[in-house]
N, C-alpha and C. Protein backbone atom coordinates (compact mmCIF):
# COMPACT_ATOMS: atom_id res chain seq x y z
N MET A 1 -4.67 79.70 -175.66
CA MET A 1 -4.85 81.04 -176.19
C MET A 1 -5.66 80.93 -177.50
N LEU A 2 -6.63 81.81 -177.63
CA LEU A 2 -7.50 81.83 -178.79
C LEU A 2 -6.78 82.48 -179.98
N ARG A 3 -6.95 81.88 -181.16
CA ARG A 3 -6.36 82.41 -182.37
C ARG A 3 -7.43 83.09 -183.23
N ALA A 4 -7.02 83.97 -184.09
CA ALA A 4 -7.95 84.65 -184.99
C ALA A 4 -8.69 83.60 -185.84
N GLU A 5 -8.02 82.56 -186.25
CA GLU A 5 -8.65 81.51 -187.04
C GLU A 5 -9.76 80.82 -186.27
N ASP A 6 -9.57 80.64 -184.94
CA ASP A 6 -10.62 80.07 -184.09
C ASP A 6 -11.85 80.96 -184.09
N VAL A 7 -11.63 82.25 -183.91
CA VAL A 7 -12.77 83.19 -183.88
C VAL A 7 -13.51 83.16 -185.21
N LYS A 8 -12.75 83.10 -186.28
CA LYS A 8 -13.34 83.02 -187.63
C LYS A 8 -14.22 81.78 -187.75
N ILE A 9 -13.73 80.66 -187.30
CA ILE A 9 -14.51 79.41 -187.36
C ILE A 9 -15.78 79.54 -186.52
N TYR A 10 -15.69 80.10 -185.32
CA TYR A 10 -16.86 80.25 -184.46
C TYR A 10 -17.92 81.13 -185.10
N ILE A 11 -17.50 82.21 -185.71
CA ILE A 11 -18.46 83.11 -186.38
C ILE A 11 -19.10 82.37 -187.55
N ALA A 12 -18.30 81.70 -188.36
CA ALA A 12 -18.80 80.99 -189.56
C ALA A 12 -19.76 79.86 -189.17
N GLN A 13 -19.58 79.25 -188.02
CA GLN A 13 -20.48 78.19 -187.57
C GLN A 13 -21.84 78.71 -187.18
N GLY A 14 -21.89 79.98 -186.73
CA GLY A 14 -23.14 80.53 -186.25
C GLY A 14 -23.81 81.52 -187.18
N LEU A 15 -23.17 81.82 -188.30
CA LEU A 15 -23.68 82.86 -189.19
C LEU A 15 -23.27 82.56 -190.61
N SER A 16 -24.21 82.66 -191.53
CA SER A 16 -23.89 82.43 -192.94
C SER A 16 -23.14 83.65 -193.47
N CYS A 17 -21.89 83.43 -193.86
CA CYS A 17 -21.03 84.55 -194.27
C CYS A 17 -20.65 84.45 -195.75
N ASP A 18 -20.79 85.55 -196.47
CA ASP A 18 -20.30 85.62 -197.85
C ASP A 18 -18.81 85.92 -197.84
N TYR A 19 -18.36 86.67 -196.86
CA TYR A 19 -16.95 86.97 -196.69
C TYR A 19 -16.71 87.16 -195.19
N LEU A 20 -15.58 86.69 -194.71
CA LEU A 20 -15.27 86.76 -193.30
C LEU A 20 -13.77 86.84 -193.15
N GLU A 21 -13.33 87.88 -192.44
CA GLU A 21 -11.90 88.06 -192.15
C GLU A 21 -11.79 88.42 -190.67
N VAL A 22 -10.87 87.73 -189.98
CA VAL A 22 -10.63 88.00 -188.58
C VAL A 22 -9.13 88.12 -188.36
N ASN A 23 -8.74 89.17 -187.70
CA ASN A 23 -7.32 89.42 -187.38
C ASN A 23 -7.17 89.64 -185.89
N GLY A 24 -5.97 89.39 -185.41
CA GLY A 24 -5.65 89.60 -184.01
C GLY A 24 -4.58 88.59 -183.62
N ASP A 25 -3.61 89.02 -182.87
CA ASP A 25 -2.50 88.11 -182.55
C ASP A 25 -2.14 88.02 -181.09
N ASP A 26 -2.97 88.62 -180.25
CA ASP A 26 -2.64 88.53 -178.80
C ASP A 26 -3.53 87.57 -178.05
N GLY A 27 -4.45 86.92 -178.73
CA GLY A 27 -5.30 85.91 -178.11
C GLY A 27 -6.54 86.45 -177.42
N GLN A 28 -6.69 87.77 -177.34
CA GLN A 28 -7.85 88.35 -176.64
C GLN A 28 -8.52 89.49 -177.40
N HIS A 29 -7.79 90.18 -178.26
CA HIS A 29 -8.31 91.32 -178.99
C HIS A 29 -8.35 91.00 -180.48
N PHE A 30 -9.52 91.17 -181.09
CA PHE A 30 -9.69 90.78 -182.47
C PHE A 30 -10.43 91.85 -183.27
N GLU A 31 -10.18 91.82 -184.59
CA GLU A 31 -10.89 92.68 -185.53
C GLU A 31 -11.52 91.79 -186.58
N ALA A 32 -12.76 92.07 -186.93
CA ALA A 32 -13.46 91.23 -187.91
C ALA A 32 -14.17 92.08 -188.95
N ILE A 33 -14.19 91.56 -190.18
CA ILE A 33 -15.04 92.06 -191.24
C ILE A 33 -15.98 90.92 -191.59
N VAL A 34 -17.28 91.18 -191.48
CA VAL A 34 -18.27 90.13 -191.72
C VAL A 34 -19.25 90.61 -192.75
N VAL A 35 -19.40 89.84 -193.82
CA VAL A 35 -20.38 90.14 -194.87
C VAL A 35 -21.36 88.98 -194.89
N SER A 36 -22.65 89.30 -194.70
CA SER A 36 -23.65 88.24 -194.64
C SER A 36 -25.00 88.69 -195.19
N LYS A 37 -25.66 87.80 -195.91
CA LYS A 37 -27.03 88.04 -196.36
C LYS A 37 -27.97 88.17 -195.18
N ASP A 38 -27.60 87.53 -194.07
CA ASP A 38 -28.44 87.56 -192.87
C ASP A 38 -28.57 88.98 -192.30
N PHE A 39 -27.71 89.88 -192.70
CA PHE A 39 -27.73 91.25 -192.22
C PHE A 39 -28.76 92.14 -192.95
N ILE A 40 -29.27 91.64 -194.07
CA ILE A 40 -30.21 92.44 -194.87
C ILE A 40 -31.42 92.81 -193.99
N GLY A 41 -31.75 94.10 -193.99
CA GLY A 41 -32.87 94.58 -193.22
C GLY A 41 -32.59 94.82 -191.76
N LYS A 42 -31.36 94.58 -191.33
CA LYS A 42 -30.96 94.78 -189.94
C LYS A 42 -30.10 96.04 -189.82
N ASN A 43 -30.22 96.74 -188.71
CA ASN A 43 -29.35 97.91 -188.49
C ASN A 43 -28.02 97.41 -187.95
N ILE A 44 -27.08 98.33 -187.79
CA ILE A 44 -25.71 97.98 -187.35
C ILE A 44 -25.73 97.27 -185.98
N VAL A 45 -26.52 97.77 -185.07
CA VAL A 45 -26.57 97.17 -183.73
C VAL A 45 -27.06 95.72 -183.82
N GLN A 46 -28.11 95.50 -184.60
CA GLN A 46 -28.65 94.14 -184.77
C GLN A 46 -27.64 93.22 -185.44
N GLN A 47 -26.89 93.75 -186.41
CA GLN A 47 -25.87 92.97 -187.09
C GLN A 47 -24.79 92.53 -186.11
N HIS A 48 -24.34 93.48 -185.29
CA HIS A 48 -23.30 93.17 -184.30
C HIS A 48 -23.82 92.17 -183.27
N GLN A 49 -25.06 92.30 -182.88
CA GLN A 49 -25.65 91.35 -181.93
C GLN A 49 -25.67 89.93 -182.53
N MET A 50 -25.89 89.85 -183.84
CA MET A 50 -25.87 88.52 -184.48
C MET A 50 -24.47 87.90 -184.43
N VAL A 51 -23.47 88.69 -184.62
CA VAL A 51 -22.08 88.19 -184.52
C VAL A 51 -21.80 87.78 -183.08
N TYR A 52 -22.17 88.61 -182.11
CA TYR A 52 -21.99 88.26 -180.70
C TYR A 52 -22.70 86.94 -180.36
N LYS A 53 -23.89 86.79 -180.90
CA LYS A 53 -24.67 85.57 -180.64
C LYS A 53 -23.93 84.34 -181.19
N ALA A 54 -23.34 84.51 -182.40
CA ALA A 54 -22.59 83.40 -182.98
C ALA A 54 -21.40 83.02 -182.12
N LEU A 55 -20.81 83.98 -181.45
CA LEU A 55 -19.66 83.72 -180.57
C LEU A 55 -20.08 83.22 -179.19
N GLY A 56 -21.31 83.49 -178.80
CA GLY A 56 -21.84 82.97 -177.57
C GLY A 56 -21.03 83.32 -176.33
N GLU A 57 -20.85 82.35 -175.47
CA GLU A 57 -20.16 82.53 -174.18
C GLU A 57 -18.70 82.93 -174.35
N ARG A 58 -18.16 82.69 -175.53
CA ARG A 58 -16.74 83.05 -175.76
C ARG A 58 -16.52 84.56 -175.59
N MET A 59 -17.56 85.34 -175.84
CA MET A 59 -17.45 86.81 -175.67
C MET A 59 -17.28 87.18 -174.20
N LYS A 60 -17.73 86.32 -173.31
CA LYS A 60 -17.59 86.59 -171.89
C LYS A 60 -16.29 85.99 -171.33
N ASP A 61 -15.94 84.86 -171.85
CA ASP A 61 -14.83 84.09 -171.24
C ASP A 61 -13.49 84.25 -171.97
N GLU A 62 -13.49 84.18 -173.28
CA GLU A 62 -12.22 84.09 -174.01
C GLU A 62 -11.83 85.36 -174.77
N ILE A 63 -12.82 86.10 -175.24
CA ILE A 63 -12.55 87.25 -176.07
C ILE A 63 -12.71 88.53 -175.25
N HIS A 64 -11.63 89.25 -175.12
CA HIS A 64 -11.70 90.49 -174.34
C HIS A 64 -12.30 91.63 -175.15
N ALA A 65 -11.95 91.72 -176.43
CA ALA A 65 -12.46 92.82 -177.28
C ALA A 65 -12.58 92.33 -178.70
N LEU A 66 -13.68 92.74 -179.33
CA LEU A 66 -13.90 92.44 -180.75
C LEU A 66 -14.37 93.72 -181.44
N SER A 67 -13.55 94.20 -182.33
CA SER A 67 -13.91 95.35 -183.18
C SER A 67 -14.38 94.75 -184.50
N MET A 68 -15.54 95.18 -184.95
CA MET A 68 -16.04 94.59 -186.20
C MET A 68 -16.68 95.61 -187.11
N LYS A 69 -16.63 95.27 -188.39
CA LYS A 69 -17.35 95.99 -189.42
C LYS A 69 -18.23 94.95 -190.10
N THR A 70 -19.53 95.27 -190.19
CA THR A 70 -20.48 94.33 -190.78
C THR A 70 -21.11 94.95 -192.01
N TYR A 71 -21.36 94.11 -193.00
CA TYR A 71 -21.91 94.56 -194.27
C TYR A 71 -22.90 93.54 -194.84
N THR A 72 -23.88 94.03 -195.55
CA THR A 72 -24.66 93.16 -196.40
C THR A 72 -23.83 92.95 -197.68
N PRO A 73 -24.14 91.93 -198.49
CA PRO A 73 -23.39 91.76 -199.71
C PRO A 73 -23.47 93.01 -200.63
N ASP A 74 -24.63 93.67 -200.65
CA ASP A 74 -24.79 94.87 -201.48
C ASP A 74 -23.92 96.02 -200.98
N SER A 75 -23.93 96.27 -199.68
CA SER A 75 -23.10 97.36 -199.15
C SER A 75 -21.61 97.04 -199.28
N TRP A 76 -21.24 95.76 -199.19
CA TRP A 76 -19.85 95.37 -199.35
C TRP A 76 -19.37 95.59 -200.79
N SER A 77 -20.26 95.30 -201.75
CA SER A 77 -19.88 95.47 -203.17
C SER A 77 -19.70 96.94 -203.54
N LYS A 78 -20.30 97.85 -202.78
CA LYS A 78 -20.18 99.28 -203.04
C LYS A 78 -19.02 99.91 -202.29
N LYS A 79 -18.36 99.15 -201.46
CA LYS A 79 -17.28 99.64 -200.64
C LYS A 79 -16.03 99.89 -201.46
């Protein structure tokens, strides 16, 4: 069973994160907050695609649902 910490590690390995939080306790449904400089100049859809890319095949095989909020460092500091 996949843990939230595993998902956090997978995202961090594929994306440079200034802040990253992942929650979820049923092994298939997760929530993430991702703050990355890599998101600068990207719209929300592109940002989410970057997170999905970091997770790769796990999104098809291991993760049933991922709810996420993505931010640039600037937008995160204004939150």
